[in-house]
């Protein structure tokens, strides 16, 4: 059993990561601006923290085996996470990544394709920058898991594929993963690290 701190634990990805961690018997600290919706649950300590408050975040993650950041990149840049995690003495950081920095068959990034939705560009660009900062990080044992193009609500099947830097596309031509199956892949990495200081991808 690990002590896991989840930043952004009330979001769509964060809430599924919380559920998966509890399902596996881990102890979870749920960090969010307003964690009231989590309620009182066995195995969970909820902490109301503004993640941009470096001292508060450092105090909240201290003493954990691993920190998972599931916050939006446009609201929480890499430095705001990496600094407090390192100061707290936590060695492992796992990040809920984005698909924008993944590579297309032609070699270009998803975010640079002509049909990439304009409304997602800011968040995708911030995600690519977060990954770039991580790749320069020498001290933390980090992993960045990129979902597929469609990151959606849906069932927990336990069936998916892992990749590296390329966008995963199903046999039907769709690039997608549910939050629940994504959570399985990320908790697998918590329990059996296989992508230290790497970005990897998950999809059907």
C-alpha atoms as a PDB file:
ATOM      1  CA  UNK A   1       0.000   0.000   0.000  1.00  0.00           C
ATOM      2  CA  UNK A   2       1.238   3.468  -0.907  1.00  0.00           C
ATOM      3  CA  UNK A   3       0.431   6.906   0.431  1.00  0.00           C
ATOM      4  CA  UNK A   4      -0.758   8.848  -2.615  1.00  0.00           C
ATOM      5  CA  UNK A   5      -1.541  12.557  -2.838  1.00  0.00           C
ATOM      6  CA  UNK A   6      -3.805  13.536  -5.745  1.00  0.00           C
ATOM      7  CA  UNK A   7      -3.834  17.192  -6.818  1.00  0.00           C
ATOM      8  CA  UNK A   8      -7.141  17.981  -8.501  1.00  0.00           C
ATOM      9  CA  UNK A   9      -8.898  15.021  -6.902  1.00  0.00           C
ATOM     10  CA  UNK A  10     -12.412  16.296  -7.639  1.00  0.00           C
ATOM     11  CA  UNK A  11     -11.955  16.621 -11.406  1.00  0.00           C
ATOM     12  CA  UNK A  12     -13.049  14.041 -13.937  1.00  0.00           C
ATOM     13  CA  UNK A  13      -9.655  12.353 -14.128  1.00  0.00           C
ATOM     14  CA  UNK A  14      -8.769  12.978 -10.488  1.00  0.00           C
ATOM     15  CA  UNK A  15     -11.978  11.492  -9.151  1.00  0.00           C
ATOM     16  CA  UNK A  16     -11.443   8.272 -11.124  1.00  0.00           C
ATOM     17  CA  UNK A  17      -7.846   8.084  -9.916  1.00  0.00           C
ATOM     18  CA  UNK A  18      -9.150   8.428  -6.372  1.00  0.00           C
ATOM     19  CA  UNK A  19     -11.615   5.583  -6.912  1.00  0.00           C
ATOM     20  CA  UNK A  20      -8.992   3.321  -8.477  1.00  0.00           C
ATOM     21  CA  UNK A  21      -6.469   4.003  -5.708  1.00  0.00           C
ATOM     22  CA  UNK A  22      -9.040   3.157  -3.042  1.00  0.00           C
ATOM     23  CA  UNK A  23     -10.091   0.037  -4.940  1.00  0.00           C
ATOM     24  CA  UNK A  24      -6.486  -1.159  -4.674  1.00  0.00           C
ATOM     25  CA  UNK A  25      -6.169  -0.403  -0.968  1.00  0.00           C
ATOM     26  CA  UNK A  26      -3.962   2.688  -1.117  1.00  0.00           C
ATOM     27  CA  UNK A  27      -4.172   5.583   1.319  1.00  0.00           C
ATOM     28  CA  UNK A  28      -5.147   8.792  -0.476  1.00  0.00           C
ATOM     29  CA  UNK A  29      -4.881  12.479   0.323  1.00  0.00           C
ATOM     30  CA  UNK A  30      -7.363  14.285  -1.923  1.00  0.00           C
ATOM     31  CA  UNK A  31      -6.198  17.827  -2.649  1.00  0.00           C
ATOM     32  CA  UNK A  32      -8.637  20.288  -4.183  1.00  0.00           C
ATOM     33  CA  UNK A  33      -9.841  23.863  -3.826  1.00  0.00           C
ATOM     34  CA  UNK A  34     -13.165  22.551  -2.571  1.00  0.00           C
ATOM     35  CA  UNK A  35     -12.950  18.882  -1.568  1.00  0.00           C
ATOM     36  CA  UNK A  36     -16.356  18.896   0.174  1.00  0.00           C
ATOM     37  CA  UNK A  37     -17.948  16.836  -2.599  1.00  0.00           C
ATOM     38  CA  UNK A  38     -15.651  13.911  -1.744  1.00  0.00           C
ATOM     39  CA  UNK A  39     -17.237  13.592   1.685  1.00  0.00           C
ATOM     40  CA  UNK A  40     -16.034  11.386   4.516  1.00  0.00           C
ATOM     41  CA  UNK A  41     -14.611   8.153   3.124  1.00  0.00           C
ATOM     42  CA  UNK A  42     -12.434   5.427   4.564  1.00  0.00           C
ATOM     43  CA  UNK A  43      -8.866   5.685   3.321  1.00  0.00           C
ATOM     44  CA  UNK A  44      -9.199   9.324   2.232  1.00  0.00           C
ATOM     45  CA  UNK A  45      -7.972  12.522   3.855  1.00  0.00           C
ATOM     46  CA  UNK A  46      -9.375  15.587   2.086  1.00  0.00           C
ATOM     47  CA  UNK A  47      -7.428  18.839   2.104  1.00  0.00           C
ATOM     48  CA  UNK A  48      -8.666  22.188   0.816  1.00  0.00           C
ATOM     49  CA  UNK A  49      -5.582  23.671  -0.826  1.00  0.00           C
ATOM     50  CA  UNK A  50      -5.000  26.317  -3.460  1.00  0.00           C
ATOM     51  CA  UNK A  51      -2.355  24.461  -5.461  1.00  0.00           C
ATOM     52  CA  UNK A  52      -0.778  27.776  -6.496  1.00  0.00           C
ATOM     53  CA  UNK A  53       0.076  28.384  -2.833  1.00  0.00           C
ATOM     54  CA  UNK A  54       3.491  26.722  -2.840  1.00  0.00           C
ATOM     55  CA  UNK A  55       3.846  26.474   0.944  1.00  0.00           C
ATOM     56  CA  UNK A  56       0.366  25.014   1.361  1.00  0.00           C
ATOM     57  CA  UNK A  57       0.921  22.466  -1.407  1.00  0.00           C
ATOM     58  CA  UNK A  58       4.294  21.471   0.015  1.00  0.00           C
ATOM     59  CA  UNK A  59       2.710  20.860   3.422  1.00  0.00           C
ATOM     60  CA  UNK A  60      -0.168  18.884   1.883  1.00  0.00           C
ATOM     61  CA  UNK A  61       2.044  16.461  -0.073  1.00  0.00           C
ATOM     62  CA  UNK A  62       4.760  15.962   2.560  1.00  0.00           C
ATOM     63  CA  UNK A  63       5.088  12.396   3.787  1.00  0.00           C
ATOM     64  CA  UNK A  64       3.599  10.747   0.686  1.00  0.00           C
ATOM     65  CA  UNK A  65       5.169   8.062  -1.486  1.00  0.00           C
ATOM     66  CA  UNK A  66       3.904   9.568  -4.712  1.00  0.00           C
ATOM     67  CA  UNK A  67       2.094  12.686  -5.903  1.00  0.00           C
ATOM     68  CA  UNK A  68      -0.304  12.564  -8.839  1.00  0.00           C
ATOM     69  CA  UNK A  69      -1.110  15.878 -10.522  1.00  0.00           C
ATOM     70  CA  UNK A  70      -4.498  15.778 -12.228  1.00  0.00           C
ATOM     71  CA  UNK A  71      -4.962  19.557 -12.433  1.00  0.00           C
ATOM     72  CA  UNK A  72      -5.442  21.548 -15.644  1.00  0.00           C
ATOM     73  CA  UNK A  73      -2.140  22.671 -17.114  1.00  0.00           C
ATOM     74  CA  UNK A  74      -3.474  26.130 -17.921  1.00  0.00           C
ATOM     75  CA  UNK A  75      -4.163  26.764 -14.237  1.00  0.00           C
ATOM     76  CA  UNK A  76      -1.234  24.926 -12.649  1.00  0.00           C
ATOM     77  CA  UNK A  77       2.109  25.142 -14.500  1.00  0.00           C
ATOM     78  CA  UNK A  78       4.948  22.696 -14.005  1.00  0.00           C
ATOM     79  CA  UNK A  79       6.972  24.891 -11.640  1.00  0.00           C
ATOM     80  CA  UNK A  80       3.980  25.235  -9.300  1.00  0.00           C
ATOM     81  CA  UNK A  81       3.911  21.444  -8.895  1.00  0.00           C
ATOM     82  CA  UNK A  82       7.555  20.408  -9.170  1.00  0.00           C
ATOM     83  CA  UNK A  83       8.917  22.914  -6.662  1.00  0.00           C
ATOM     84  CA  UNK A  84       6.626  22.049  -3.725  1.00  0.00           C
ATOM     85  CA  UNK A  85       6.868  18.287  -4.415  1.00  0.00           C
ATOM     86  CA  UNK A  86      10.671  18.397  -4.321  1.00  0.00           C
ATOM     87  CA  UNK A  87      10.764  20.622  -1.228  1.00  0.00           C
ATOM     88  CA  UNK A  88       8.394  18.206   0.514  1.00  0.00           C
ATOM     89  CA  UNK A  89      10.880  15.384  -0.107  1.00  0.00           C
ATOM     90  CA  UNK A  90       8.529  13.322  -2.278  1.00  0.00           C
ATOM     91  CA  UNK A  91      10.535  11.425  -4.903  1.00  0.00           C
ATOM     92  CA  UNK A  92       7.832  10.381  -7.392  1.00  0.00           C
ATOM     93  CA  UNK A  93       5.509  12.579  -9.443  1.00  0.00           C
ATOM     94  CA  UNK A  94       2.975  11.175 -11.885  1.00  0.00           C
ATOM     95  CA  UNK A  95       1.158  13.589 -14.173  1.00  0.00           C
ATOM     96  CA  UNK A  96      -2.162  13.261 -15.969  1.00  0.00           C
ATOM     97  CA  UNK A  97      -0.902  14.353 -19.361  1.00  0.00           C
ATOM     98  CA  UNK A  98      -2.533  15.631 -22.508  1.00  0.00           C
ATOM     99  CA  UNK A  99      -2.784  14.275 -26.043  1.00  0.00           C
ATOM    100  CA  UNK A 100      -1.734  17.502 -27.773  1.00  0.00           C
ATOM    101  CA  UNK A 101       1.994  16.784 -27.591  1.00  0.00           C
ATOM    102  CA  UNK A 102       1.636  13.242 -28.981  1.00  0.00           C
ATOM    103  CA  UNK A 103       2.891  12.568 -32.489  1.00  0.00           C
ATOM    104  CA  UNK A 104       0.741  11.882 -35.548  1.00  0.00           C
ATOM    105  CA  UNK A 105       1.675   9.246 -38.164  1.00  0.00           C
ATOM    106  CA  UNK A 106       3.289  11.951 -40.294  1.00  0.00           C
ATOM    107  CA  UNK A 107       5.526  13.003 -37.423  1.00  0.00           C
ATOM    108  CA  UNK A 108       3.935  16.316 -36.433  1.00  0.00           C
ATOM    109  CA  UNK A 109       2.293  16.912 -33.066  1.00  0.00           C
ATOM    110  CA  UNK A 110      -1.459  16.595 -32.582  1.00  0.00           C
ATOM    111  CA  UNK A 111      -1.666  20.210 -31.391  1.00  0.00           C
ATOM    112  CA  UNK A 112      -0.057  21.442 -34.626  1.00  0.00           C
ATOM    113  CA  UNK A 113      -2.508  19.694 -36.951  1.00  0.00           C
ATOM    114  CA  UNK A 114      -4.770  22.068 -38.959  1.00  0.00           C
ATOM    115  CA  UNK A 115      -7.991  20.638 -37.534  1.00  0.00           C
ATOM    116  CA  UNK A 116      -6.972  20.839 -33.863  1.00  0.00           C
ATOM    117  CA  UNK A 117      -9.847  22.603 -32.038  1.00  0.00           C
ATOM    118  CA  UNK A 118      -8.939  26.195 -31.225  1.00  0.00           C
ATOM    119  CA  UNK A 119     -10.701  26.062 -27.854  1.00  0.00           C
ATOM    120  CA  UNK A 120      -8.281  23.379 -26.616  1.00  0.00           C
ATOM    121  CA  UNK A 121      -5.065  25.010 -27.839  1.00  0.00           C
ATOM    122  CA  UNK A 122      -4.229  26.902 -24.645  1.00  0.00           C
ATOM    123  CA  UNK A 123      -4.583  23.847 -22.412  1.00  0.00           C
ATOM    124  CA  UNK A 124      -2.772  21.574 -24.890  1.00  0.00           C
ATOM    125  CA  UNK A 125       0.050  24.059 -25.282  1.00  0.00           C
ATOM    126  CA  UNK A 126       0.424  24.334 -21.520  1.00  0.00           C
ATOM    127  CA  UNK A 127       0.531  20.532 -21.321  1.00  0.00           C
ATOM    128  CA  UNK A 128       3.308  20.375 -23.897  1.00  0.00           C
ATOM    129  CA  UNK A 129       5.248  22.970 -21.904  1.00  0.00           C
ATOM    130  CA  UNK A 130       4.725  20.974 -18.679  1.00  0.00           C
ATOM    131  CA  UNK A 131       6.195  17.893 -20.369  1.00  0.00           C
ATOM    132  CA  UNK A 132       9.145  19.917 -21.688  1.00  0.00           C
ATOM    133  CA  UNK A 133       9.934  21.112 -18.159  1.00  0.00           C
ATOM    134  CA  UNK A 134       9.697  17.572 -16.797  1.00  0.00           C
ATOM    135  CA  UNK A 135      12.141  16.335 -19.406  1.00  0.00           C
ATOM    136  CA  UNK A 136      14.729  18.745 -17.982  1.00  0.00           C
ATOM    137  CA  UNK A 137      14.054  17.615 -14.401  1.00  0.00           C
ATOM    138  CA  UNK A 138      17.023  15.734 -12.954  1.00  0.00           C
ATOM    139  CA  UNK A 139      15.893  14.924  -9.410  1.00  0.00           C
ATOM    140  CA  UNK A 140      12.296  13.731  -9.483  1.00  0.00           C
ATOM    141  CA  UNK A 141      11.278  10.268 -10.633  1.00  0.00           C
ATOM    142  CA  UNK A 142       8.459  11.444 -12.907  1.00  0.00           C
ATOM    143  CA  UNK A 143       6.060   9.868 -15.392  1.00  0.00           C
ATOM    144  CA  UNK A 144       3.644  11.688 -17.730  1.00  0.00           C
ATOM    145  CA  UNK A 145       0.731   9.605 -19.044  1.00  0.00           C
ATOM    146  CA  UNK A 146      -0.954  11.051 -22.135  1.00  0.00           C
ATOM    147  CA  UNK A 147      -4.541   9.986 -22.825  1.00  0.00           C
ATOM    148  CA  UNK A 148      -5.887   9.544 -26.337  1.00  0.00           C
ATOM    149  CA  UNK A 149      -7.484  12.390 -28.318  1.00  0.00           C
ATOM    150  CA  UNK A 150     -10.882  11.729 -26.746  1.00  0.00           C
ATOM    151  CA  UNK A 151     -10.698  11.557 -22.934  1.00  0.00           C
ATOM    152  CA  UNK A 152     -14.237  10.658 -21.942  1.00  0.00           C
ATOM    153  CA  UNK A 153     -16.629   9.289 -19.355  1.00  0.00           C
ATOM    154  CA  UNK A 154     -17.311   5.579 -19.772  1.00  0.00           C
ATOM    155  CA  UNK A 155     -16.963   2.132 -18.337  1.00  0.00           C
ATOM    156  CA  UNK A 156     -13.987   0.588 -16.622  1.00  0.00           C
ATOM    157  CA  UNK A 157     -13.035  -2.321 -18.893  1.00  0.00           C
ATOM    158  CA  UNK A 158      -9.401  -2.972 -17.962  1.00  0.00           C
ATOM    159  CA  UNK A 159      -8.611  -3.454 -21.661  1.00  0.00           C
ATOM    160  CA  UNK A 160      -6.358  -0.886 -23.325  1.00  0.00           C
ATOM    161  CA  UNK A 161      -2.990  -0.452 -25.025  1.00  0.00           C
ATOM    162  CA  UNK A 162       0.071   1.464 -23.909  1.00  0.00           C
ATOM    163  CA  UNK A 163       2.376   3.386 -26.213  1.00  0.00           C
ATOM    164  CA  UNK A 164       5.120   5.997 -26.016  1.00  0.00           C
ATOM    165  CA  UNK A 165       5.043   9.282 -27.950  1.00  0.00           C
ATOM    166  CA  UNK A 166       2.611   8.400 -30.755  1.00  0.00           C
ATOM    167  CA  UNK A 167      -1.142   8.991 -30.687  1.00  0.00           C
ATOM    168  CA  UNK A 168      -2.914   5.653 -30.250  1.00  0.00           C
ATOM    169  CA  UNK A 169      -5.802   4.960 -32.611  1.00  0.00           C
ATOM    170  CA  UNK A 170      -8.173   1.991 -32.359  1.00  0.00           C
ATOM    171  CA  UNK A 171      -8.830  -0.483 -35.150  1.00  0.00           C
ATOM    172  CA  UNK A 172     -12.035   1.469 -35.816  1.00  0.00           C
ATOM    173  CA  UNK A 173     -10.068   4.649 -36.413  1.00  0.00           C
ATOM    174  CA  UNK A 174     -10.974   6.334 -33.128  1.00  0.00           C
ATOM    175  CA  UNK A 175      -8.458   7.696 -30.600  1.00  0.00           C
ATOM    176  CA  UNK A 176     -10.036   7.457 -27.175  1.00  0.00           C
ATOM    177  CA  UNK A 177      -9.824   6.293 -23.569  1.00  0.00           C
ATOM    178  CA  UNK A 178     -12.219   6.509 -20.628  1.00  0.00           C
ATOM    179  CA  UNK A 179     -11.234   8.189 -17.396  1.00  0.00           C
ATOM    180  CA  UNK A 180     -11.801   4.890 -15.571  1.00  0.00           C
ATOM    181  CA  UNK A 181      -9.448   2.873 -17.785  1.00  0.00           C
ATOM    182  CA  UNK A 182      -6.922   5.693 -17.779  1.00  0.00           C
ATOM    183  CA  UNK A 183      -6.937   5.474 -13.989  1.00  0.00           C
ATOM    184  CA  UNK A 184      -6.071   1.777 -14.165  1.00  0.00           C
ATOM    185  CA  UNK A 185      -3.057   2.508 -16.368  1.00  0.00           C
ATOM    186  CA  UNK A 186      -1.782   5.264 -14.081  1.00  0.00           C
ATOM    187  CA  UNK A 187      -2.244   3.249 -10.877  1.00  0.00           C
ATOM    188  CA  UNK A 188      -0.453   0.342 -12.560  1.00  0.00           C
ATOM    189  CA  UNK A 189       2.478   2.734 -12.980  1.00  0.00           C
ATOM    190  CA  UNK A 190       2.268   3.694  -9.302  1.00  0.00           C
ATOM    191  CA  UNK A 191       2.455   0.055  -8.248  1.00  0.00           C
ATOM    192  CA  UNK A 192       4.892  -1.262 -10.869  1.00  0.00           C
ATOM    193  CA  UNK A 193       6.978   1.586 -12.279  1.00  0.00           C
ATOM    194  CA  UNK A 194       7.857   0.953 -15.907  1.00  0.00           C
ATOM    195  CA  UNK A 195       8.132   4.474 -17.350  1.00  0.00           C
ATOM    196  CA  UNK A 196      10.527   6.330 -15.081  1.00  0.00           C
ATOM    197  CA  UNK A 197      11.303   9.816 -16.435  1.00  0.00           C
ATOM    198  CA  UNK A 198       9.251   9.079 -19.534  1.00  0.00           C
ATOM    199  CA  UNK A 199       6.053  10.097 -21.213  1.00  0.00           C
ATOM    200  CA  UNK A 200       3.819   7.228 -22.258  1.00  0.00           C
ATOM    201  CA  UNK A 201       0.362   6.975 -23.756  1.00  0.00           C
ATOM    202  CA  UNK A 202      -2.797   4.945 -23.228  1.00  0.00           C
ATOM    203  CA  UNK A 203      -5.705   4.205 -25.563  1.00  0.00           C
ATOM    204  CA  UNK A 204      -7.867   1.485 -27.055  1.00  0.00           C
END
